């Protein structure tokens, strides 16, 4: 008996949705995957200097991205506003929002650079590690902070492009800059071909140079109007548009602040057990990042499609996109985590020769590897809610899961003098709570209207065919 027209239509819709999600996710996955591979190679290079060097780079990266977490407030607002405008076919508004976001992001980043440079040692010293490790971490933070604005440009323009459905451009820029990073890591850490041997500081400078190269590429393409999102003209920088951006984004900024404070508190507890457990944590996260990047890719796809569908006044499509992206993320991350767990010992031993660090790294990979399905829910549904403009609920989940559960359990385990393996295990409780909270939130419908009902008084513009200055517009959401 032939399929009914309704079933055939549903099948076509599912295939089209899968195609839309994958077309947005795979470039983001590949871009982040390349970044993770380069990060692993960098850790391998630094690992030859010893566990102290690995611990210093782990601290430096964590604090750098923690301080930069405030940019998440701006990029979250950028994603929501650009995706909404794009879904409503208001391409000029998308360009104006991008321009405002870049100005605000650069100003905030410039202000953040000053304390990072002046108080880098005091910031690194909160982990109470040995003097040599603390000094290396401080140098890492200080030198990388000089490239803060370049990092801001990458983050804001990358977020705007992905919200408009272009994940290809950030991919090939990422490929080019990761190659730059890899080359300079080797040259500056080891002092090859006439370059000075800078060791941990060289790794920081190599990261910074790659950020700068990426920023120059983004800016050239943007100002020459070679990418999808245009440049906002005179009048873009208005108080109303800045208020919209900050009102939507500030919960994401607070979330990142809470996240980083909670993360630092957790790492502070890990540091009680010495340098080896701390280095093992850094190695384990870097190795499992090969799985994390899949979740990040589907998070970007979910946020883009959710925001664009809501901009096109299609809440059913927004919900379907979010759940489908989550299911694909769970399946993909589970497969990758199984492979990583199977080869955990070999990978850890390749990166560092310290037997205790290798042992603890494998333990950490086993623990967090089994939590990958929960992390997939956290990444993807959290991204979908932020893409819809609901940035407050992910903040609540972070406070509850990370601060309340992870740090709370880790503190109890530390006071009870349990082994560091128990501290690592607190991660599972965190992701269980967050996955349940986010799934319940997305199952409801309040997130679909919270953007419009917010104090921004956002009014959805009528559909139009106004172009933003580029001649080739692919509207992957509402036109397909």
Protein backbone atom coordinates (compact mmCIF):
# COMPACT_ATOMS: atom_id res chain seq x y z
CA UNK A 1 0.00 0.00 0.00
CA UNK A 2 1.57 3.37 -0.96
CA UNK A 3 2.43 5.89 1.72
CA UNK A 4 -0.14 8.56 2.43
CA UNK A 5 0.58 12.11 1.26
CA UNK A 6 0.73 13.22 4.89
CA UNK A 7 3.37 10.63 5.79
CA UNK A 8 5.38 11.49 2.71
CA UNK A 9 5.25 15.17 3.64
CA UNK A 10 6.36 14.42 7.19
CA UNK A 11 9.28 12.32 5.94
CA UNK A 12 10.38 15.11 3.62
CA UNK A 13 10.15 17.62 6.46
CA UNK A 14 12.28 15.41 8.71
CA UNK A 15 14.91 14.96 6.01
CA UNK A 16 14.96 18.70 5.37
CA UNK A 17 15.34 19.41 9.08
CA UNK A 18 18.21 16.91 9.37
CA UNK A 19 19.88 18.53 6.38
CA UNK A 20 19.50 22.02 7.85
CA UNK A 21 20.95 20.95 11.19
CA UNK A 22 23.88 19.07 9.68
CA UNK A 23 24.63 21.85 7.18
CA UNK A 24 25.02 24.27 10.09
CA UNK A 25 26.61 21.86 12.56
CA UNK A 26 29.33 20.15 10.55
CA UNK A 27 31.41 23.28 9.76
CA UNK A 28 31.19 24.34 13.41
CA UNK A 29 32.16 20.82 14.50
CA UNK A 30 35.10 20.71 12.11
CA UNK A 31 36.27 24.18 13.14
CA UNK A 32 36.18 23.32 16.84
CA UNK A 33 37.65 19.88 16.14
CA UNK A 34 40.64 21.44 14.44
CA UNK A 35 41.00 23.82 17.37
CA UNK A 36 40.92 20.87 19.78
CA UNK A 37 43.48 18.90 17.78
CA UNK A 38 45.80 21.90 17.72
CA UNK A 39 45.19 22.26 21.46
CA UNK A 40 46.18 18.63 22.01
CA UNK A 41 49.33 19.11 19.95
CA UNK A 42 50.11 22.26 21.94
CA UNK A 43 49.65 20.33 25.18
CA UNK A 44 51.99 17.68 23.78
CA UNK A 45 54.58 20.35 23.06
CA UNK A 46 54.20 21.95 26.49
CA UNK A 47 53.97 18.51 28.13
CA UNK A 48 57.58 17.87 27.19
CA UNK A 49 58.44 20.63 29.68
CA UNK A 50 56.85 18.71 32.58
CA UNK A 51 53.62 18.50 34.61
CA UNK A 52 54.20 21.99 36.06
CA UNK A 53 54.13 23.52 32.57
CA UNK A 54 50.90 21.68 31.72
CA UNK A 55 49.32 22.90 34.98
CA UNK A 56 50.43 26.47 34.21
CA UNK A 57 48.88 26.42 30.73
CA UNK A 58 45.68 24.88 32.17
CA UNK A 59 45.42 27.71 34.70
CA UNK A 60 46.27 30.31 32.09
CA UNK A 61 43.69 29.11 29.59
CA UNK A 62 41.00 28.73 32.24
CA UNK A 63 41.50 32.22 33.64
CA UNK A 64 41.86 33.82 30.23
CA UNK A 65 38.59 32.38 28.99
CA UNK A 66 37.02 33.01 32.37
CA UNK A 67 37.81 36.70 32.20
CA UNK A 68 36.66 36.74 28.59
CA UNK A 69 33.42 35.05 29.66
CA UNK A 70 31.75 38.45 29.88
CA UNK A 71 31.94 38.54 26.09
CA UNK A 72 29.41 35.71 26.17
CA UNK A 73 26.86 38.28 27.27
CA UNK A 74 27.43 40.24 24.10
CA UNK A 75 27.75 37.27 21.74
CA UNK A 76 24.57 35.69 23.20
CA UNK A 77 22.69 38.91 22.47
CA UNK A 78 24.27 39.04 19.02
CA UNK A 79 23.15 35.49 18.23
CA UNK A 80 19.56 36.04 19.37
CA UNK A 81 19.09 39.41 17.66
CA UNK A 82 20.82 38.53 14.39
CA UNK A 83 19.00 35.18 14.12
CA UNK A 84 15.63 36.87 14.76
CA UNK A 85 16.32 39.60 12.23
CA UNK A 86 17.51 37.03 9.70
CA UNK A 87 14.43 34.88 10.19
CA UNK A 88 12.30 37.97 9.59
CA UNK A 89 14.38 38.80 6.47
CA UNK A 90 15.47 42.14 7.94
CA UNK A 91 19.10 41.96 6.81
CA UNK A 92 19.86 45.61 7.47
CA UNK A 93 18.93 45.15 11.12
CA UNK A 94 21.21 42.13 11.32
CA UNK A 95 24.07 44.31 10.03
CA UNK A 96 23.30 47.07 12.54
CA UNK A 97 23.20 44.64 15.45
CA UNK A 98 26.55 43.18 14.39
CA UNK A 99 28.13 46.64 14.26
CA UNK A 100 26.82 47.57 17.71
CA UNK A 101 27.97 44.23 19.13
CA UNK A 102 31.48 44.74 17.80
CA UNK A 103 31.79 48.23 19.30
CA UNK A 104 30.45 47.17 22.68
CA UNK A 105 32.51 43.97 22.73
CA UNK A 106 35.76 45.77 21.93
CA UNK A 107 35.14 48.43 24.57
CA UNK A 108 34.44 45.84 27.26
CA UNK A 109 37.47 43.79 26.23
CA UNK A 110 39.74 46.81 26.36
CA UNK A 111 38.63 47.48 29.93
CA UNK A 112 39.28 43.83 30.85
CA UNK A 113 42.83 43.94 29.52
CA UNK A 114 44.10 46.35 32.18
CA UNK A 115 43.55 44.16 35.28
CA UNK A 116 44.69 41.06 33.37
CA UNK A 117 48.06 42.66 32.64
CA UNK A 118 48.58 44.38 36.00
CA UNK A 119 47.30 41.66 38.34
CA UNK A 120 48.15 38.51 36.39
CA UNK A 121 50.29 37.05 39.20
CA UNK A 122 47.64 37.71 41.87
CA UNK A 123 45.03 36.06 39.64
CA UNK A 124 47.16 32.97 39.07
CA UNK A 125 48.11 32.75 42.74
CA UNK A 126 44.56 31.91 43.88
CA UNK A 127 45.23 28.25 43.04
CA UNK A 128 48.01 28.08 45.63
CA UNK A 129 50.31 25.98 43.45
CA UNK A 130 54.09 26.13 43.68
CA UNK A 131 55.89 29.38 42.89
CA UNK A 132 57.32 28.30 39.52
CA UNK A 133 53.93 27.09 38.21
CA UNK A 134 52.19 30.23 39.45
CA UNK A 135 54.73 32.51 37.75
CA UNK A 136 54.46 30.62 34.46
CA UNK A 137 50.66 30.83 34.60
CA UNK A 138 50.86 34.57 35.32
CA UNK A 139 53.13 35.13 32.33
CA UNK A 140 50.75 33.12 30.15
CA UNK A 141 47.77 35.26 31.23
CA UNK A 142 49.66 38.54 30.84
CA UNK A 143 50.94 37.94 27.31
CA UNK A 144 47.70 36.42 26.03
CA UNK A 145 45.73 39.39 27.39
CA UNK A 146 47.43 41.72 24.91
CA UNK A 147 45.37 39.94 22.23
CA UNK A 148 42.02 40.43 23.99
CA UNK A 149 40.52 42.69 21.34
CA UNK A 150 41.46 40.26 18.56
CA UNK A 151 39.66 37.54 20.51
CA UNK A 152 36.61 39.83 20.82
CA UNK A 153 36.47 40.44 17.06
CA UNK A 154 36.59 36.70 16.38
CA UNK A 155 33.87 35.95 18.89
CA UNK A 156 31.40 38.66 17.82
CA UNK A 157 31.75 38.37 14.04
CA UNK A 158 31.79 34.56 14.28
CA UNK A 159 28.57 34.62 16.33
CA UNK A 160 26.88 36.99 13.87
CA UNK A 161 27.80 34.86 10.86
CA UNK A 162 26.62 31.63 12.49
CA UNK A 163 23.34 33.28 13.53
CA UNK A 164 22.83 34.22 9.89
CA UNK A 165 23.42 30.59 8.88
CA UNK A 166 27.01 30.91 7.65
CA UNK A 167 29.19 28.39 9.48
CA UNK A 168 31.52 27.83 6.51
CA UNK A 169 33.41 31.14 6.74
CA UNK A 170 34.34 30.68 10.43
CA UNK A 171 35.48 27.15 9.49
CA UNK A 172 38.05 28.10 6.86
CA UNK A 173 39.26 31.04 8.92
CA UNK A 174 39.67 28.60 11.79
CA UNK A 175 41.66 26.24 9.59
CA UNK A 176 44.07 28.99 8.57
CA UNK A 177 44.54 30.39 12.08
CA UNK A 178 44.95 26.98 13.71
CA UNK A 179 47.80 26.27 11.30
CA UNK A 180 49.36 29.60 12.33
CA UNK A 181 48.94 28.69 15.99
CA UNK A 182 50.53 25.28 15.50
CA UNK A 183 53.55 26.70 13.67
CA UNK A 184 54.24 29.38 16.27
CA UNK A 185 53.76 26.99 19.21
CA UNK A 186 56.65 24.89 17.92
CA UNK A 187 58.79 27.88 17.06
CA UNK A 188 58.32 29.84 20.28
CA UNK A 189 58.12 27.06 22.87
CA UNK A 190 61.28 25.32 21.66
CA UNK A 191 63.05 28.32 20.11
CA UNK A 192 63.52 26.88 16.62
CA UNK A 193 64.97 28.56 13.50
CA UNK A 194 66.30 31.59 15.31
CA UNK A 195 63.19 32.29 17.40
CA UNK A 196 63.71 32.72 21.18
CA UNK A 197 62.93 29.75 23.45
CA UNK A 198 59.97 31.08 25.48
CA UNK A 199 58.45 27.80 26.70
CA UNK A 200 55.03 28.46 28.40
CA UNK A 201 55.10 32.15 27.45
CA UNK A 202 55.72 31.12 23.84
CA UNK A 203 52.53 29.06 23.87
CA UNK A 204 50.58 32.14 25.01
CA UNK A 205 52.08 34.35 22.31
CA UNK A 206 51.38 31.68 19.67
CA UNK A 207 47.72 31.58 20.73
CA UNK A 208 47.57 35.37 20.60
CA UNK A 209 49.09 35.57 17.11
CA UNK A 210 46.48 33.12 15.84
CA UNK A 211 43.69 35.28 17.37
CA UNK A 212 45.14 38.34 15.65
CA UNK A 213 45.36 36.64 12.25
CA UNK A 214 41.75 35.48 12.53
CA UNK A 215 40.58 38.97 13.54
CA UNK A 216 42.29 40.57 10.54
CA UNK A 217 40.70 38.04 8.19
CA UNK A 218 37.22 38.59 9.67
CA UNK A 219 37.53 42.37 9.50
CA UNK A 220 38.82 42.35 5.93
CA UNK A 221 35.94 40.17 4.74
CA UNK A 222 33.38 42.16 6.71
CA UNK A 223 34.43 45.64 5.61
CA UNK A 224 34.88 44.52 2.00
CA UNK A 225 31.34 43.06 2.15
CA UNK A 226 32.48 39.58 1.19
CA UNK A 227 30.51 37.80 3.90
CA UNK A 228 26.81 37.33 4.50
CA UNK A 229 26.29 39.85 7.31
CA UNK A 230 26.77 43.43 6.18
CA UNK A 231 28.25 46.47 7.91
CA UNK A 232 25.74 48.66 9.72
CA UNK A 233 25.78 52.24 8.53
CA UNK A 234 25.38 55.53 10.34
CA UNK A 235 22.82 55.36 13.10
CA UNK A 236 23.52 51.76 14.07
CA UNK A 237 24.84 52.67 17.50
CA UNK A 238 21.65 53.66 19.30
CA UNK A 239 20.70 53.45 22.98
CA UNK A 240 17.71 51.23 22.16
CA UNK A 241 19.80 48.72 20.23
CA UNK A 242 22.49 48.65 22.93
CA UNK A 243 19.78 48.08 25.53
CA UNK A 244 18.33 45.19 23.53
CA UNK A 245 21.76 43.64 23.20
CA UNK A 246 22.63 43.97 26.87
CA UNK A 247 19.18 43.06 28.20
CA UNK A 248 19.19 39.77 26.33
CA UNK A 249 22.88 39.15 26.92
CA UNK A 250 23.51 40.14 30.52
CA UNK A 251 22.10 36.90 32.00
CA UNK A 252 24.52 35.00 29.75
CA UNK A 253 27.32 37.22 31.06
CA UNK A 254 26.29 36.55 34.66
CA UNK A 255 26.04 32.86 33.78
CA UNK A 256 29.61 32.89 32.49
CA UNK A 257 30.78 34.76 35.58
CA UNK A 258 29.06 32.22 37.84
CA UNK A 259 30.38 29.41 35.67
CA UNK A 260 33.95 30.63 35.88
CA UNK A 261 33.76 31.34 39.62
CA UNK A 262 32.31 27.87 40.18
CA UNK A 263 34.89 26.35 37.87
CA UNK A 264 37.73 28.10 39.63
CA UNK A 265 36.36 26.94 43.00
CA UNK A 266 36.22 23.39 41.66
CA UNK A 267 39.78 23.58 40.30
CA UNK A 268 40.90 25.11 43.58
CA UNK A 269 39.64 21.96 45.32
CA UNK A 270 41.45 19.80 42.75
CA UNK A 271 44.63 21.79 43.42
CA UNK A 272 44.50 20.63 47.06
CA UNK A 273 45.61 17.24 45.80
CA UNK A 274 48.73 18.57 44.07
CA UNK A 275 50.09 19.35 40.62
CA UNK A 276 49.59 15.87 39.11
CA UNK A 277 45.76 15.78 39.59
CA UNK A 278 45.57 19.33 38.25
CA UNK A 279 47.63 18.50 35.17
CA UNK A 280 45.54 15.33 34.66
CA UNK A 281 42.39 17.40 34.70
CA UNK A 282 43.79 19.72 32.01
CA UNK A 283 44.88 16.79 29.85
CA UNK A 284 41.56 14.96 30.29
CA UNK A 285 39.51 17.98 29.27
CA UNK A 286 41.74 18.57 26.25
CA UNK A 287 41.39 14.95 25.10
CA UNK A 288 37.62 14.83 25.64
CA UNK A 289 37.29 18.13 23.80
CA UNK A 290 37.29 15.96 20.67
CA UNK A 291 33.81 14.94 21.84
CA UNK A 292 32.78 18.31 23.27
CA UNK A 293 33.17 20.02 19.91
CA UNK A 294 30.33 17.92 18.51
CA UNK A 295 28.02 19.23 21.20
CA UNK A 296 29.18 22.79 20.55
CA UNK A 297 28.48 22.33 16.83
CA UNK A 298 24.92 21.16 17.42
CA UNK A 299 24.49 23.92 19.99
CA UNK A 300 25.31 26.48 17.29
CA UNK A 301 22.96 24.79 14.81
CA UNK A 302 20.17 24.60 17.39
CA UNK A 303 20.58 28.23 18.45
CA UNK A 304 20.60 29.45 14.85
CA UNK A 305 17.58 27.47 13.71
CA UNK A 306 15.59 28.13 16.88
CA UNK A 307 16.15 31.88 16.61
CA UNK A 308 15.46 31.98 12.88
CA UNK A 309 12.26 29.92 13.16
CA UNK A 310 10.97 32.18 15.92
CA UNK A 311 11.91 35.21 13.82
CA UNK A 312 9.83 33.70 11.00
CA UNK A 313 6.99 33.10 13.52
CA UNK A 314 7.29 29.34 13.37
CA UNK A 315 7.45 28.08 17.00
CA UNK A 316 6.73 24.48 15.95
CA UNK A 317 9.78 24.49 13.68
CA UNK A 318 11.85 26.04 16.48
CA UNK A 319 10.91 23.27 18.89
CA UNK A 320 11.49 20.50 16.32
CA UNK A 321 14.93 21.93 15.46
CA UNK A 322 15.98 21.96 19.10
CA UNK A 323 14.96 18.39 19.88
CA UNK A 324 16.43 17.03 16.66
CA UNK A 325 19.75 18.80 17.23
CA UNK A 326 19.84 17.38 20.76
CA UNK A 327 19.24 13.81 19.60
CA UNK A 328 21.95 14.09 16.96
CA UNK A 329 24.36 15.54 19.54
CA UNK A 330 23.69 12.72 22.01
CA UNK A 331 24.29 10.02 19.41
CA UNK A 332 27.42 11.60 17.99
CA UNK A 333 29.02 12.40 21.35
CA UNK A 334 28.34 8.90 22.67
CA UNK A 335 30.13 7.31 19.70
CA UNK A 336 33.15 9.59 20.05
CA UNK A 337 33.36 9.15 23.81
CA UNK A 338 33.40 5.34 23.46
CA UNK A 339 36.37 5.60 21.10
CA UNK A 340 38.20 8.04 23.40
CA UNK A 341 37.58 5.87 26.47
CA UNK A 342 38.88 2.80 24.64
CA UNK A 343 42.16 4.52 23.72
CA UNK A 344 42.39 6.71 26.85
CA UNK A 345 45.61 5.20 28.19
CA UNK A 346 47.43 5.35 24.86
CA UNK A 347 46.42 8.98 24.25
CA UNK A 348 47.39 10.09 27.75
CA UNK A 349 50.76 8.36 27.56
CA UNK A 350 51.43 10.00 24.19
CA UNK A 351 50.88 13.45 25.69
CA UNK A 352 52.93 13.10 28.87
CA UNK A 353 55.34 10.57 30.40
CA UNK A 354 54.51 11.18 34.08
CA UNK A 355 52.93 7.89 35.29
CA UNK A 356 50.73 9.44 37.99
CA UNK A 357 49.43 12.09 35.60
CA UNK A 358 48.68 9.39 33.02
CA UNK A 359 46.80 7.27 35.57
CA UNK A 360 44.65 10.17 36.78
CA UNK A 361 44.01 11.37 33.24
CA UNK A 362 42.61 7.95 32.30
CA UNK A 363 40.39 7.96 35.41
CA UNK A 364 39.11 11.41 34.54
CA UNK A 365 38.36 10.37 30.94
CA UNK A 366 36.42 7.33 32.17
CA UNK A 367 34.32 9.47 34.52
CA UNK A 368 33.53 12.35 32.20
CA UNK A 369 33.33 10.11 29.13
CA UNK A 370 30.28 8.35 30.54
CA UNK A 371 28.64 11.76 31.09
CA UNK A 372 28.79 12.73 27.41
CA UNK A 373 25.04 12.18 26.70
CA UNK A 374 24.21 14.52 29.60
CA UNK A 375 26.69 17.08 28.33
CA UNK A 376 25.08 16.86 24.88
CA UNK A 377 21.74 17.88 26.41
CA UNK A 378 23.40 20.70 28.33
CA UNK A 379 25.25 22.07 25.30
CA UNK A 380 22.45 21.78 22.75
CA UNK A 381 19.32 22.72 24.67
CA UNK A 382 21.22 25.47 26.47
CA UNK A 383 22.25 26.85 23.08
CA UNK A 384 18.68 26.61 21.75
CA UNK A 385 17.30 28.57 24.71
CA UNK A 386 19.94 31.27 24.29
CA UNK A 387 19.19 31.44 20.56
CA UNK A 388 15.54 32.01 21.46
CA UNK A 389 16.53 34.86 23.78
CA UNK A 390 15.86 32.89 26.98
CA UNK A 391 19.23 33.52 28.58
CA UNK A 392 18.02 33.55 32.18
CA UNK A 393 17.14 29.88 32.55
CA UNK A 394 20.60 28.60 31.53
CA UNK A 395 21.94 30.93 34.24
CA UNK A 396 19.70 29.19 36.78
CA UNK A 397 20.88 25.75 35.67
CA UNK A 398 24.52 26.82 36.00
CA UNK A 399 23.98 28.13 39.53
CA UNK A 400 22.16 24.95 40.53
CA UNK A 401 24.29 22.35 38.74
CA UNK A 402 27.81 23.77 38.80
CA UNK A 403 27.84 25.78 42.01
CA UNK A 404 25.30 23.86 44.05
CA UNK A 405 25.98 20.28 42.96
CA UNK A 406 29.50 20.06 41.51
CA UNK A 407 31.31 22.43 43.86
CA UNK A 408 29.12 21.41 46.80
CA UNK A 409 29.79 17.69 46.34
CA UNK A 410 33.50 18.28 45.67
CA UNK A 411 33.81 20.34 48.86
CA UNK A 412 32.12 17.59 50.88
CA UNK A 413 34.38 14.93 49.36
CA UNK A 414 37.45 17.06 50.11
CA UNK A 415 36.41 17.59 53.73
CA UNK A 416 35.82 13.84 54.07
CA UNK A 417 39.35 13.28 52.73
CA UNK A 418 38.16 11.24 49.75
CA UNK A 419 40.51 10.67 46.83
CA UNK A 420 40.67 13.10 43.91
CA UNK A 421 38.74 10.54 41.82
CA UNK A 422 35.67 11.46 43.88
CA UNK A 423 36.23 15.12 43.10
CA UNK A 424 36.23 14.28 39.41
CA UNK A 425 33.04 12.27 39.93
CA UNK A 426 31.19 15.38 41.15
CA UNK A 427 31.03 16.40 37.46
CA UNK A 428 28.43 13.71 36.79
CA UNK A 429 26.03 15.10 39.40
CA UNK A 430 26.35 18.55 37.85
CA UNK A 431 25.41 17.38 34.36
CA UNK A 432 22.54 15.17 35.55
CA UNK A 433 20.85 18.15 37.24
CA UNK A 434 21.44 20.52 34.32
CA UNK A 435 20.20 18.03 31.71
CA UNK A 436 16.94 17.46 33.62
CA UNK A 437 16.32 21.18 34.15
CA UNK A 438 17.01 22.14 30.52
CA UNK A 439 14.90 19.30 29.10
CA UNK A 440 11.93 20.30 31.27
CA UNK A 441 12.29 23.95 30.24
CA UNK A 442 12.48 23.20 26.52
CA UNK A 443 9.52 20.81 26.80
CA UNK A 444 7.40 23.78 27.87
CA UNK A 445 6.60 26.81 25.74
CA UNK A 446 7.50 29.84 27.83
CA UNK A 447 10.92 30.15 26.16
CA UNK A 448 9.18 30.80 22.82
CA UNK A 449 7.71 34.14 23.95
CA UNK A 450 10.10 35.34 26.64
CA UNK A 451 12.11 37.31 24.07
CA UNK A 452 9.11 39.28 22.79
CA UNK A 453 7.69 39.81 26.27
CA UNK A 454 10.98 41.05 27.71
CA UNK A 455 11.70 44.64 28.65
CA UNK A 456 13.38 45.14 25.30
CA UNK A 457 9.89 45.68 23.84
CA UNK A 458 11.17 43.96 20.74
CA UNK A 459 8.78 44.31 17.82
CA UNK A 460 9.08 41.73 15.06
CA UNK A 461 9.49 43.50 11.72
CA UNK A 462 7.32 42.36 8.85
CA UNK A 463 8.90 40.01 6.31
CA UNK A 464 10.80 41.84 3.61
CA UNK A 465 13.35 41.12 0.96
CA UNK A 466 15.64 43.92 1.99
CA UNK A 467 19.24 43.03 1.36
CA UNK A 468 22.05 43.93 3.70
CA UNK A 469 24.58 44.59 0.98
CA UNK A 470 25.56 41.09 -0.06
CA UNK A 471 24.33 39.59 -3.31
CA UNK A 472 24.14 35.92 -2.33
CA UNK A 473 21.76 35.24 0.55
CA UNK A 474 21.03 31.63 1.53
CA UNK A 475 18.19 31.58 4.02
CA UNK A 476 18.55 28.05 5.38
CA UNK A 477 15.66 28.23 7.78
CA UNK A 478 12.49 29.88 6.55
CA UNK A 479 13.05 29.34 2.84
CA UNK A 480 13.57 25.61 3.10
